[in-house]
Amino acid sequence: MADKPGLSYKARRRWSMVVLLVGLPLYIIVASTLGGLFGGQSVLLQLVVYIVLGIAWILPFKSLFRGIGQADPDAPPEE
């Protein structure tokens, strides 16, 4: 297990919870503020802005969330 690069499974699970419980609400506030800048524009432009902002938050965390819903690969097998 020590020769594997990156975070362990448990560390990735913990960090993903921090991102979802702390980071995502903060990002929603920032995104709604940025979206509010386009308040006088057309509804289609606002929709595009919110879609882009909704997708953009996950891109830096894609590797963190990969495989989190599966069983721990480093855990000993149950018999």
N, C-alpha and C. Protein backbone atom coordinates (compact mmCIF):
# COMPACT_ATOMS: atom_id res chain seq x y z
N MET A 1 0.82 -1.18 0.00
CA MET A 1 0.00 0.00 0.00
C MET A 1 0.88 1.26 0.00
N ALA A 2 2.06 1.22 0.55
CA ALA A 2 2.91 2.39 0.63
C ALA A 2 3.48 2.78 -0.73
N ASP A 3 3.50 1.86 -1.69
CA ASP A 3 4.07 2.18 -2.98
C ASP A 3 3.06 2.82 -3.93
N LYS A 4 1.80 2.97 -3.52
CA LYS A 4 0.78 3.57 -4.37
C LYS A 4 0.85 5.10 -4.25
N PRO A 5 0.88 5.81 -5.39
CA PRO A 5 0.92 7.27 -5.32
C PRO A 5 -0.47 7.83 -4.99
N GLY A 6 -0.50 9.03 -4.46
CA GLY A 6 -1.77 9.70 -4.19
C GLY A 6 -2.33 9.37 -2.83
N LEU A 7 -3.57 9.79 -2.64
CA LEU A 7 -4.25 9.60 -1.36
C LEU A 7 -4.79 8.18 -1.23
N SER A 8 -4.88 7.72 0.00
CA SER A 8 -5.50 6.42 0.24
C SER A 8 -7.01 6.53 0.06
N TYR A 9 -7.65 5.40 0.03
CA TYR A 9 -9.12 5.37 -0.16
C TYR A 9 -9.82 6.12 0.97
N LYS A 10 -9.40 5.87 2.21
CA LYS A 10 -10.05 6.52 3.35
C LYS A 10 -9.82 8.04 3.33
N ALA A 11 -8.62 8.45 2.93
CA ALA A 11 -8.34 9.88 2.85
C ALA A 11 -9.18 10.53 1.75
N ARG A 12 -9.34 9.84 0.63
CA ARG A 12 -10.17 10.38 -0.44
C ARG A 12 -11.63 10.49 0.00
N ARG A 13 -12.11 9.50 0.77
CA ARG A 13 -13.49 9.57 1.28
C ARG A 13 -13.67 10.75 2.22
N ARG A 14 -12.69 10.97 3.09
CA ARG A 14 -12.79 12.09 4.04
C ARG A 14 -12.74 13.43 3.30
N TRP A 15 -11.81 13.57 2.37
CA TRP A 15 -11.71 14.82 1.63
C TRP A 15 -12.94 15.06 0.75
N SER A 16 -13.52 14.01 0.21
CA SER A 16 -14.73 14.19 -0.60
C SER A 16 -15.88 14.69 0.26
N MET A 17 -15.97 14.23 1.51
CA MET A 17 -17.00 14.73 2.41
C MET A 17 -16.77 16.21 2.75
N VAL A 18 -15.51 16.59 2.96
CA VAL A 18 -15.20 18.00 3.23
C VAL A 18 -15.59 18.86 2.03
N VAL A 19 -15.27 18.39 0.84
CA VAL A 19 -15.61 19.15 -0.37
C VAL A 19 -17.13 19.28 -0.50
N LEU A 20 -17.86 18.20 -0.26
CA LEU A 20 -19.32 18.26 -0.41
C LEU A 20 -20.00 19.06 0.69
N LEU A 21 -19.52 18.96 1.93
CA LEU A 21 -20.20 19.62 3.04
C LEU A 21 -19.76 21.06 3.28
N VAL A 22 -18.54 21.40 2.89
CA VAL A 22 -18.03 22.76 3.12
C VAL A 22 -17.82 23.48 1.79
N GLY A 23 -17.11 22.85 0.88
CA GLY A 23 -16.75 23.51 -0.37
C GLY A 23 -17.91 23.76 -1.30
N LEU A 24 -18.81 22.81 -1.42
CA LEU A 24 -19.93 22.97 -2.34
C LEU A 24 -20.88 24.10 -1.92
N PRO A 25 -21.26 24.21 -0.65
CA PRO A 25 -22.10 25.37 -0.28
C PRO A 25 -21.40 26.71 -0.53
N LEU A 26 -20.09 26.78 -0.27
CA LEU A 26 -19.36 28.01 -0.57
C LEU A 26 -19.35 28.28 -2.07
N TYR A 27 -19.18 27.24 -2.86
CA TYR A 27 -19.18 27.41 -4.31
C TYR A 27 -20.56 27.83 -4.81
N ILE A 28 -21.62 27.35 -4.20
CA ILE A 28 -22.97 27.76 -4.60
C ILE A 28 -23.16 29.26 -4.36
N ILE A 29 -22.64 29.75 -3.25
CA ILE A 29 -22.74 31.19 -2.97
C ILE A 29 -21.97 31.99 -4.01
N VAL A 30 -20.76 31.55 -4.33
CA VAL A 30 -19.95 32.24 -5.34
C VAL A 30 -20.62 32.17 -6.71
N ALA A 31 -21.13 31.00 -7.07
CA ALA A 31 -21.77 30.83 -8.39
C ALA A 31 -23.03 31.67 -8.49
N SER A 32 -23.81 31.75 -7.43
CA SER A 32 -25.03 32.56 -7.50
C SER A 32 -24.68 34.05 -7.56
N THR A 33 -23.59 34.45 -6.92
CA THR A 33 -23.14 35.83 -7.02
C THR A 33 -22.69 36.14 -8.45
N LEU A 34 -21.90 35.23 -9.02
CA LEU A 34 -21.47 35.42 -10.40
C LEU A 34 -22.64 35.37 -11.37
N GLY A 35 -23.58 34.49 -11.13
CA GLY A 35 -24.76 34.41 -11.97
C GLY A 35 -25.62 35.65 -11.85
N GLY A 36 -25.61 36.28 -10.68
CA GLY A 36 -26.37 37.50 -10.47
C GLY A 36 -25.84 38.66 -11.28
N LEU A 37 -24.58 38.61 -11.67
CA LEU A 37 -24.01 39.65 -12.51
C LEU A 37 -24.68 39.68 -13.89
N PHE A 38 -25.24 38.54 -14.29
CA PHE A 38 -25.91 38.44 -15.58
C PHE A 38 -27.43 38.56 -15.43
N GLY A 39 -27.89 39.15 -14.35
CA GLY A 39 -29.31 39.23 -14.06
C GLY A 39 -30.12 40.02 -15.07
N GLY A 40 -29.51 41.02 -15.67
CA GLY A 40 -30.24 41.83 -16.64
C GLY A 40 -30.19 41.26 -18.04
N GLN A 41 -29.49 40.16 -18.22
CA GLN A 41 -29.33 39.57 -19.54
C GLN A 41 -30.49 38.62 -19.85
N SER A 42 -30.41 37.99 -21.00
CA SER A 42 -31.47 37.06 -21.39
C SER A 42 -31.45 35.80 -20.52
N VAL A 43 -32.57 35.13 -20.49
CA VAL A 43 -32.69 33.91 -19.70
C VAL A 43 -31.78 32.82 -20.26
N LEU A 44 -31.60 32.80 -21.57
CA LEU A 44 -30.74 31.80 -22.19
C LEU A 44 -29.29 31.99 -21.77
N LEU A 45 -28.82 33.24 -21.70
CA LEU A 45 -27.45 33.51 -21.25
C LEU A 45 -27.28 33.11 -19.79
N GLN A 46 -28.27 33.41 -18.96
CA GLN A 46 -28.21 33.01 -17.55
C GLN A 46 -28.16 31.50 -17.42
N LEU A 47 -28.93 30.80 -18.22
CA LEU A 47 -28.95 29.34 -18.19
C LEU A 47 -27.58 28.79 -18.57
N VAL A 48 -26.96 29.33 -19.60
CA VAL A 48 -25.64 28.88 -20.03
C VAL A 48 -24.61 29.13 -18.93
N VAL A 49 -24.68 30.30 -18.29
CA VAL A 49 -23.74 30.62 -17.21
C VAL A 49 -23.89 29.63 -16.06
N TYR A 50 -25.12 29.34 -15.65
CA TYR A 50 -25.33 28.41 -14.54
C TYR A 50 -24.94 26.98 -14.91
N ILE A 51 -25.14 26.58 -16.14
CA ILE A 51 -24.72 25.24 -16.57
C ILE A 51 -23.21 25.13 -16.54
N VAL A 52 -22.52 26.14 -17.07
CA VAL A 52 -21.05 26.12 -17.07
C VAL A 52 -20.52 26.11 -15.64
N LEU A 53 -21.07 26.95 -14.78
CA LEU A 53 -20.63 26.98 -13.38
C LEU A 53 -20.97 25.69 -12.65
N GLY A 54 -22.07 25.06 -13.02
CA GLY A 54 -22.45 23.80 -12.39
C GLY A 54 -21.54 22.66 -12.76
N ILE A 55 -20.97 22.70 -13.95
CA ILE A 55 -20.05 21.66 -14.37
C ILE A 55 -18.63 21.97 -13.93
N ALA A 56 -18.27 23.26 -13.88
CA ALA A 56 -16.89 23.66 -13.61
C ALA A 56 -16.42 23.29 -12.21
N TRP A 57 -17.31 23.18 -11.23
CA TRP A 57 -16.84 22.91 -9.86
C TRP A 57 -16.29 21.50 -9.71
N ILE A 58 -16.77 20.56 -10.51
CA ILE A 58 -16.37 19.17 -10.32
C ILE A 58 -15.05 18.85 -11.02
N LEU A 59 -14.67 19.60 -12.02
CA LEU A 59 -13.47 19.27 -12.80
C LEU A 59 -12.20 19.15 -11.95
N PRO A 60 -11.92 20.06 -11.02
CA PRO A 60 -10.71 19.87 -10.21
C PRO A 60 -10.79 18.68 -9.25
N PHE A 61 -12.01 18.23 -8.92
CA PHE A 61 -12.19 17.17 -7.93
C PHE A 61 -12.54 15.82 -8.55
N LYS A 62 -12.44 15.71 -9.85
CA LYS A 62 -12.86 14.48 -10.53
C LYS A 62 -12.09 13.26 -10.01
N SER A 63 -10.79 13.38 -9.85
CA SER A 63 -10.01 12.23 -9.38
C SER A 63 -10.28 11.93 -7.90
N LEU A 64 -10.67 12.94 -7.13
CA LEU A 64 -10.98 12.73 -5.72
C LEU A 64 -12.23 11.88 -5.55
N PHE A 65 -13.25 12.11 -6.38
CA PHE A 65 -14.52 11.40 -6.26
C PHE A 65 -14.54 10.06 -6.99
N ARG A 66 -13.57 9.78 -7.82
CA ARG A 66 -13.57 8.54 -8.60
C ARG A 66 -13.46 7.32 -7.69
N GLY A 67 -14.44 6.42 -7.75
CA GLY A 67 -14.41 5.16 -7.01
C GLY A 67 -14.81 5.25 -5.56
N ILE A 68 -15.30 6.39 -5.10
CA ILE A 68 -15.65 6.55 -3.69
C ILE A 68 -16.85 5.68 -3.30
N GLY A 69 -17.76 5.45 -4.20
CA GLY A 69 -18.95 4.66 -3.89
C GLY A 69 -18.72 3.16 -3.89
N GLN A 70 -17.52 2.72 -4.22
CA GLN A 70 -17.22 1.30 -4.25
C GLN A 70 -16.61 0.86 -2.92
N ALA A 71 -16.46 -0.43 -2.78
CA ALA A 71 -15.84 -0.97 -1.56
C ALA A 71 -14.37 -0.59 -1.50
N ASP A 72 -13.82 -0.54 -0.30
CA ASP A 72 -12.42 -0.17 -0.10
C ASP A 72 -11.52 -1.22 -0.75
N PRO A 73 -10.73 -0.84 -1.76
CA PRO A 73 -9.87 -1.82 -2.42
C PRO A 73 -8.69 -2.27 -1.55
N ASP A 74 -8.36 -1.49 -0.51
CA ASP A 74 -7.23 -1.85 0.35
C ASP A 74 -7.65 -2.66 1.57
N ALA A 75 -8.94 -2.85 1.75
CA ALA A 75 -9.43 -3.60 2.92
C ALA A 75 -9.18 -5.10 2.71
N PRO A 76 -8.93 -5.81 3.79
CA PRO A 76 -8.76 -7.27 3.67
C PRO A 76 -10.07 -7.92 3.26
N PRO A 77 -10.03 -8.95 2.46
CA PRO A 77 -11.28 -9.59 2.01
C PRO A 77 -12.00 -10.26 3.17
N GLU A 78 -13.34 -10.16 3.13
CA GLU A 78 -14.15 -10.79 4.17
C GLU A 78 -14.39 -12.25 3.80
N GLU A 79 -14.41 -13.07 4.80
CA GLU A 79 -14.62 -14.50 4.54
C GLU A 79 -15.87 -15.00 5.20
